[in-house]
PDB file of N, CA and C in Angstrom:
ATOM      1  N   MET A   1      79.870 115.050 100.340  1.00  0.00           N
ATOM      2  CA  MET A   1      81.277 115.404 100.408  1.00  0.00           C
ATOM      3  C   MET A   1      82.006 114.790  99.217  1.00  0.00           C
ATOM      4  N   LEU A   2      82.993 115.496  98.756  1.00  0.00           N
ATOM      5  CA  LEU A   2      83.794 115.062  97.618  1.00  0.00           C
ATOM      6  C   LEU A   2      84.853 114.071  98.099  1.00  0.00           C
ATOM      7  N   ASP A   3      84.739 112.809  97.682  1.00  0.00           N
ATOM      8  CA  ASP A   3      85.733 111.795  98.047  1.00  0.00           C
ATOM      9  C   ASP A   3      86.842 111.726  97.019  1.00  0.00           C
ATOM     10  N   ALA A   4      86.523 112.109  95.799  1.00  0.00           N
ATOM     11  CA  ALA A   4      87.489 112.141  94.702  1.00  0.00           C
ATOM     12  C   ALA A   4      86.913 113.036  93.615  1.00  0.00           C
ATOM     13  N   VAL A   5      87.798 113.689  92.894  1.00  0.00           N
ATOM     14  CA  VAL A   5      87.353 114.513  91.772  1.00  0.00           C
ATOM     15  C   VAL A   5      87.060 113.566  90.618  1.00  0.00           C
ATOM     16  N   PRO A   6      85.856 113.623  90.068  1.00  0.00           N
ATOM     17  CA  PRO A   6      85.545 112.743  88.939  1.00  0.00           C
ATOM     18  C   PRO A   6      86.580 112.888  87.820  1.00  0.00           C
ATOM     19  N   GLU A   7      87.031 111.753  87.303  1.00  0.00           N
ATOM     20  CA  GLU A   7      88.089 111.730  86.286  1.00  0.00           C
ATOM     21  C   GLU A   7      87.778 112.650  85.112  1.00  0.00           C
ATOM     22  N   GLU A   8      86.558 112.569  84.619  1.00  0.00           N
ATOM     23  CA  GLU A   8      86.183 113.384  83.460  1.00  0.00           C
ATOM     24  C   GLU A   8      86.287 114.876  83.780  1.00  0.00           C
ATOM     25  N   ARG A   9      85.843 115.259  84.979  1.00  0.00           N
ATOM     26  CA  ARG A   9      85.891 116.672  85.396  1.00  0.00           C
ATOM     27  C   ARG A   9      87.337 117.125  85.565  1.00  0.00           C
ATOM     28  N   ALA A  10      88.164 116.290  86.179  1.00  0.00           N
ATOM     29  CA  ALA A  10      89.572 116.627  86.382  1.00  0.00           C
ATOM     30  C   ALA A  10      90.282 116.818  85.046  1.00  0.00           C
ATOM     31  N   ARG A  11      89.991 115.947  84.103  1.00  0.00           N
ATOM     32  CA  ARG A  11      90.603 116.039  82.775  1.00  0.00           C
ATOM     33  C   ARG A  11      90.160 117.320  82.070  1.00  0.00           C
ATOM     34  N   ALA A  12      88.862 117.622  82.159  1.00  0.00           N
ATOM     35  CA  ALA A  12      88.320 118.810  81.492  1.00  0.00           C
ATOM     36  C   ALA A  12      88.947 120.094  82.032  1.00  0.00           C
ATOM     37  N   LEU A  13      89.245 120.115  83.328  1.00  0.00           N
ATOM     38  CA  LEU A  13      89.843 121.303  83.939  1.00  0.00           C
ATOM     39  C   LEU A  13      91.365 121.294  83.882  1.00  0.00           C
ATOM     40  N   GLY A  14      91.956 120.161  83.509  1.00  0.00           N
ATOM     41  CA  GLY A  14      93.412 120.055  83.454  1.00  0.00           C
ATOM     42  C   GLY A  14      94.057 120.017  84.828  1.00  0.00           C
ATOM     43  N   LEU A  15      93.396 119.358  85.787  1.00  0.00           N
ATOM     44  CA  LEU A  15      93.929 119.292  87.144  1.00  0.00           C
ATOM     45  C   LEU A  15      95.058 118.280  87.257  1.00  0.00           C
ATOM     46  N   SER A  16      96.082 118.657  88.004  1.00  0.00           N
ATOM     47  CA  SER A  16      97.178 117.731  88.286  1.00  0.00           C
ATOM     48  C   SER A  16      96.733 116.772  89.392  1.00  0.00           C
ATOM     49  N   GLY A  17      97.495 115.721  89.572  1.00  0.00           N
ATOM     50  CA  GLY A  17      97.195 114.771  90.640  1.00  0.00           C
ATOM     51  C   GLY A  17      97.204 115.439  92.003  1.00  0.00           C
ATOM     52  N   ARG A  18      98.158 116.329  92.226  1.00  0.00           N
ATOM     53  CA  ARG A  18      98.264 117.029  93.507  1.00  0.00           C
ATOM     54  C   ARG A  18      97.070 117.965  93.715  1.00  0.00           C
ATOM     55  N   GLU A  19      96.624 118.614  92.647  1.00  0.00           N
ATOM     56  CA  GLU A  19      95.458 119.494  92.745  1.00  0.00           C
ATOM     57  C   GLU A  19      94.207 118.690  93.088  1.00  0.00           C
ATOM     58  N   ARG A  20      94.079 117.518  92.515  1.00  0.00           N
ATOM     59  CA  ARG A  20      92.934 116.645  92.823  1.00  0.00           C
ATOM     60  C   ARG A  20      92.977 116.222  94.293  1.00  0.00           C
ATOM     61  N   GLU A  21      94.161 115.861  94.749  1.00  0.00           N
ATOM     62  CA  GLU A  21      94.347 115.467  96.145  1.00  0.00           C
ATOM     63  C   GLU A  21      93.985 116.638  97.075  1.00  0.00           C
ATOM     64  N   MET A  22      94.424 117.826  96.695  1.00  0.00           N
ATOM     65  CA  MET A  22      94.148 119.035  97.460  1.00  0.00           C
ATOM     66  C   MET A  22      92.636 119.278  97.560  1.00  0.00           C
ATOM     67  N   ALA A  23      91.919 119.092  96.468  1.00  0.00           N
ATOM     68  CA  ALA A  23      90.467 119.306  96.450  1.00  0.00           C
ATOM     69  C   ALA A  23      89.767 118.370  97.430  1.00  0.00           C
ATOM     70  N   VAL A  24      90.209 117.141  97.508  1.00  0.00           N
ATOM     71  CA  VAL A  24      89.599 116.173  98.431  1.00  0.00           C
ATOM     72  C   VAL A  24      89.845 116.600  99.884  1.00  0.00           C
ATOM     73  N   LEU A  25      91.039 117.091 100.172  1.00  0.00           N
ATOM     74  CA  LEU A  25      91.347 117.540 101.533  1.00  0.00           C
ATOM     75  C   LEU A  25      90.553 118.794 101.891  1.00  0.00           C
ATOM     76  N   ILE A  26      90.358 119.673 100.924  1.00  0.00           N
ATOM     77  CA  ILE A  26      89.513 120.850 101.138  1.00  0.00           C
ATOM     78  C   ILE A  26      88.095 120.394 101.460  1.00  0.00           C
ATOM     79  N   ALA A  27      87.609 119.405 100.730  1.00  0.00           N
ATOM     80  CA  ALA A  27      86.255 118.886 100.952  1.00  0.00           C
ATOM     81  C   ALA A  27      86.111 118.268 102.341  1.00  0.00           C
ATOM     82  N   ARG A  28      87.195 117.737 102.866  1.00  0.00           N
ATOM     83  CA  ARG A  28      87.171 117.175 104.226  1.00  0.00           C
ATOM     84  C   ARG A  28      87.160 118.266 105.288  1.00  0.00           C
ATOM     85  N   GLY A  29      87.323 119.532 104.855  1.00  0.00           N
ATOM     86  CA  GLY A  29      87.267 120.659 105.787  1.00  0.00           C
ATOM     87  C   GLY A  29      88.594 121.037 106.405  1.00  0.00           C
ATOM     88  N   LEU A  30      89.692 120.519 105.860  1.00  0.00           N
ATOM     89  CA  LEU A  30      90.994 120.833 106.415  1.00  0.00           C
ATOM     90  C   LEU A  30      91.414 122.259 106.070  1.00  0.00           C
ATOM     91  N   ALA A  31      92.068 122.917 107.027  1.00  0.00           N
ATOM     92  CA  ALA A  31      92.643 124.244 106.822  1.00  0.00           C
ATOM     93  C   ALA A  31      93.974 124.083 106.081  1.00  0.00           C
ATOM     94  N   ASN A  32      94.484 125.186 105.555  1.00  0.00           N
ATOM     95  CA  ASN A  32      95.739 125.131 104.796  1.00  0.00           C
ATOM     96  C   ASN A  32      96.872 124.490 105.595  1.00  0.00           C
ATOM     97  N   LYS A  33      97.010 124.865 106.868  1.00  0.00           N
ATOM     98  CA  LYS A  33      98.088 124.299 107.690  1.00  0.00           C
ATOM     99  C   LYS A  33      97.911 122.793 107.876  1.00  0.00           C
ATOM    100  N   GLU A  34      96.671 122.359 108.016  1.00  0.00           N
ATOM    101  CA  GLU A  34      96.397 120.929 108.169  1.00  0.00           C
ATOM    102  C   GLU A  34      96.701 120.179 106.877  1.00  0.00           C
ATOM    103  N   ILE A  35      96.356 120.779 105.746  1.00  0.00           N
ATOM    104  CA  ILE A  35      96.663 120.171 104.449  1.00  0.00           C
ATOM    105  C   ILE A  35      98.171 120.062 104.284  1.00  0.00           C
ATOM    106  N   ALA A  36      98.881 121.121 104.640  1.00  0.00           N
ATOM    107  CA  ALA A  36     100.340 121.126 104.531  1.00  0.00           C
ATOM    108  C   ALA A  36     100.948 120.004 105.364  1.00  0.00           C
ATOM    109  N   SER A  37     100.469 119.851 106.583  1.00  0.00           N
ATOM    110  CA  SER A  37     100.967 118.801 107.468  1.00  0.00           C
ATOM    111  C   SER A  37     100.658 117.414 106.909  1.00  0.00           C
ATOM    112  N   GLU A  38      99.447 117.240 106.424  1.00  0.00           N
ATOM    113  CA  GLU A  38      99.009 115.952 105.856  1.00  0.00           C
ATOM    114  C   GLU A  38      99.874 115.542 104.663  1.00  0.00           C
ATOM    115  N   LEU A  39     100.238 116.523 103.820  1.00  0.00           N
ATOM    116  CA  LEU A  39     100.977 116.225 102.590  1.00  0.00           C
ATOM    117  C   LEU A  39     102.487 116.421 102.718  1.00  0.00           C
ATOM    118  N   GLY A  40     102.935 116.952 103.841  1.00  0.00           N
ATOM    119  CA  GLY A  40     104.364 117.183 104.038  1.00  0.00           C
ATOM    120  C   GLY A  40     104.914 118.291 103.151  1.00  0.00           C
ATOM    121  N   ILE A  41     104.107 119.329 102.940  1.00  0.00           N
ATOM    122  CA  ILE A  41     104.530 120.475 102.131  1.00  0.00           C
ATOM    123  C   ILE A  41     104.292 121.745 102.939  1.00  0.00           C
ATOM    124  N   SER A  42     104.799 122.873 102.463  1.00  0.00           N
ATOM    125  CA  SER A  42     104.641 124.124 103.195  1.00  0.00           C
ATOM    126  C   SER A  42     103.254 124.720 102.969  1.00  0.00           C
ATOM    127  N   PRO A  43     102.779 125.521 103.927  1.00  0.00           N
ATOM    128  CA  PRO A  43     101.500 126.207 103.736  1.00  0.00           C
ATOM    129  C   PRO A  43     101.503 127.107 102.493  1.00  0.00           C
ATOM    130  N   GLY A  44     102.648 127.659 102.151  1.00  0.00           N
ATOM    131  CA  GLY A  44     102.753 128.474 100.942  1.00  0.00           C
ATOM    132  C   GLY A  44     102.495 127.660  99.688  1.00  0.00           C
ATOM    133  N   THR A  45     102.989 126.445  99.667  1.00  0.00           N
ATOM    134  CA  THR A  45     102.748 125.559  98.527  1.00  0.00           C
ATOM    135  C   THR A  45     101.269 125.191  98.449  1.00  0.00           C
ATOM    136  N   VAL A  46     100.655 124.994  99.597  1.00  0.00           N
ATOM    137  CA  VAL A  46      99.212 124.713  99.629  1.00  0.00           C
ATOM    138  C   VAL A  46      98.453 125.886  99.022  1.00  0.00           C
ATOM    139  N   ARG A  47      98.803 127.111  99.432  1.00  0.00           N
ATOM    140  CA  ARG A  47      98.134 128.302  98.882  1.00  0.00           C
ATOM    141  C   ARG A  47      98.283 128.362  97.371  1.00  0.00           C
ATOM    142  N   THR A  48      99.463 128.025  96.866  1.00  0.00           N
ATOM    143  CA  THR A  48      99.696 128.036  95.418  1.00  0.00           C
ATOM    144  C   THR A  48      98.802 127.020  94.720  1.00  0.00           C
ATOM    145  N   HIS A  49      98.723 125.818  95.254  1.00  0.00           N
ATOM    146  CA  HIS A  49      97.864 124.784  94.653  1.00  0.00           C
ATOM    147  C   HIS A  49      96.399 125.218  94.676  1.00  0.00           C
ATOM    148  N   ILE A  50      95.964 125.795  95.789  1.00  0.00           N
ATOM    149  CA  ILE A  50      94.572 126.239  95.888  1.00  0.00           C
ATOM    150  C   ILE A  50      94.305 127.372  94.903  1.00  0.00           C
ATOM    151  N   TYR A  51      95.242 128.300  94.792  1.00  0.00           N
ATOM    152  CA  TYR A  51      95.098 129.388  93.812  1.00  0.00           C
ATOM    153  C   TYR A  51      94.941 128.805  92.405  1.00  0.00           C
ATOM    154  N   ASN A  52      95.785 127.834  92.069  1.00  0.00           N
ATOM    155  CA  ASN A  52      95.711 127.201  90.749  1.00  0.00           C
ATOM    156  C   ASN A  52      94.372 126.493  90.545  1.00  0.00           C
ATOM    157  N   LEU A  53      93.882 125.831  91.580  1.00  0.00           N
ATOM    158  CA  LEU A  53      92.565 125.184  91.505  1.00  0.00           C
ATOM    159  C   LEU A  53      91.477 126.215  91.229  1.00  0.00           C
ATOM    160  N   TYR A  54      91.515 127.319  91.960  1.00  0.00           N
ATOM    161  CA  TYR A  54      90.523 128.387  91.748  1.00  0.00           C
ATOM    162  C   TYR A  54      90.566 128.883  90.310  1.00  0.00           C
ATOM    163  N   GLN A  55      91.763 129.104  89.790  1.00  0.00           N
ATOM    164  CA  GLN A  55      91.906 129.613  88.428  1.00  0.00           C
ATOM    165  C   GLN A  55      91.354 128.623  87.408  1.00  0.00           C
ATOM    166  N   LYS A  56      91.710 127.372  87.553  1.00  0.00           N
ATOM    167  CA  LYS A  56      91.282 126.355  86.587  1.00  0.00           C
ATOM    168  C   LYS A  56      89.773 126.121  86.633  1.00  0.00           C
ATOM    169  N   ALA A  57      89.191 126.205  87.827  1.00  0.00           N
ATOM    170  CA  ALA A  57      87.759 125.943  87.975  1.00  0.00           C
ATOM    171  C   ALA A  57      86.918 127.210  87.825  1.00  0.00           C
ATOM    172  N   GLY A  58      87.575 128.366  87.804  1.00  0.00           N
ATOM    173  CA  GLY A  58      86.830 129.621  87.735  1.00  0.00           C
ATOM    174  C   GLY A  58      86.078 129.892  89.028  1.00  0.00           C
ATOM    175  N   ALA A  59      86.700 129.551  90.154  1.00  0.00           N
ATOM    176  CA  ALA A  59      86.064 129.697  91.462  1.00  0.00           C
ATOM    177  C   ALA A  59      86.722 130.815  92.260  1.00  0.00           C
ATOM    178  N   ARG A  60      85.970 131.347  93.237  1.00  0.00           N
ATOM    179  CA  ARG A  60      86.498 132.403  94.098  1.00  0.00           C
ATOM    180  C   ARG A  60      86.489 132.016  95.574  1.00  0.00           C
ATOM    181  N   SER A  61      86.003 130.814  95.876  1.00  0.00           N
ATOM    182  CA  SER A  61      85.962 130.353  97.266  1.00  0.00           C
ATOM    183  C   SER A  61      86.031 128.827  97.283  1.00  0.00           C
ATOM    184  N   ARG A  62      86.263 128.291  98.460  1.00  0.00           N
ATOM    185  CA  ARG A  62      86.315 126.830  98.598  1.00  0.00           C
ATOM    186  C   ARG A  62      84.966 126.198  98.276  1.00  0.00           C
ATOM    187  N   VAL A  63      83.901 126.831  98.739  1.00  0.00           N
ATOM    188  CA  VAL A  63      82.558 126.298  98.480  1.00  0.00           C
ATOM    189  C   VAL A  63      82.277 126.298  96.983  1.00  0.00           C
ATOM    190  N   GLU A  64      82.587 127.406  96.327  1.00  0.00           N
ATOM    191  CA  GLU A  64      82.358 127.486  94.885  1.00  0.00           C
ATOM    192  C   GLU A  64      83.218 126.461  94.145  1.00  0.00           C
ATOM    193  N   LEU A  65      84.460 126.296  94.579  1.00  0.00           N
ATOM    194  CA  LEU A  65      85.351 125.310  93.965  1.00  0.00           C
ATOM    195  C   LEU A  65      84.744 123.911  94.063  1.00  0.00           C
ATOM    196  N   LEU A  66      84.313 123.528  95.244  1.00  0.00           N
ATOM    197  CA  LEU A  66      83.763 122.183  95.433  1.00  0.00           C
ATOM    198  C   LEU A  66      82.488 121.985  94.631  1.00  0.00           C
ATOM    199  N   ASN A  67      81.649 123.007  94.576  1.00  0.00           N
ATOM    200  CA  ASN A  67      80.431 122.911  93.758  1.00  0.00           C
ATOM    201  C   ASN A  67      80.769 122.683  92.292  1.00  0.00           C
ATOM    202  N   LYS A  68      81.782 123.370  91.793  1.00  0.00           N
ATOM    203  CA  LYS A  68      82.161 123.233  90.387  1.00  0.00           C
ATOM    204  C   LYS A  68      82.803 121.874  90.110  1.00  0.00           C
ATOM    205  N   LEU A  69      83.537 121.355  91.077  1.00  0.00           N
ATOM    206  CA  LEU A  69      84.183 120.055  90.880  1.00  0.00           C
ATOM    207  C   LEU A  69      83.178 118.909  90.942  1.00  0.00           C
ATOM    208  N   GLU A  70      82.115 119.084  91.694  1.00  0.00           N
ATOM    209  CA  GLU A  70      81.108 118.029  91.820  1.00  0.00           C
ATOM    210  C   GLU A  70      80.124 118.018  90.665  1.00  0.00           C
ATOM    211  N   SER A  71      80.006 119.145  89.963  1.00  0.00           N
ATOM    212  CA  SER A  71      79.012 119.218  88.875  1.00  0.00           C
ATOM    213  C   SER A  71      79.534 118.648  87.580  1.00  0.00           C
TER     214      SER A  71
END
């Protein structure tokens, strides 16, 4: 499981601090609503962050995203 996005990988992808935090919560298996509750933001904002993560990592799913962040 991803406990943190490796610094070098985060820098290479240009991830923001919030995007890195989001990736860790995704790795914990949280749903969008759970992530929103955990971070005190709206589910729509969560979707936006996840979309941005997918774009930056070149991923199309949560599993693919996590695989790319761990490699």
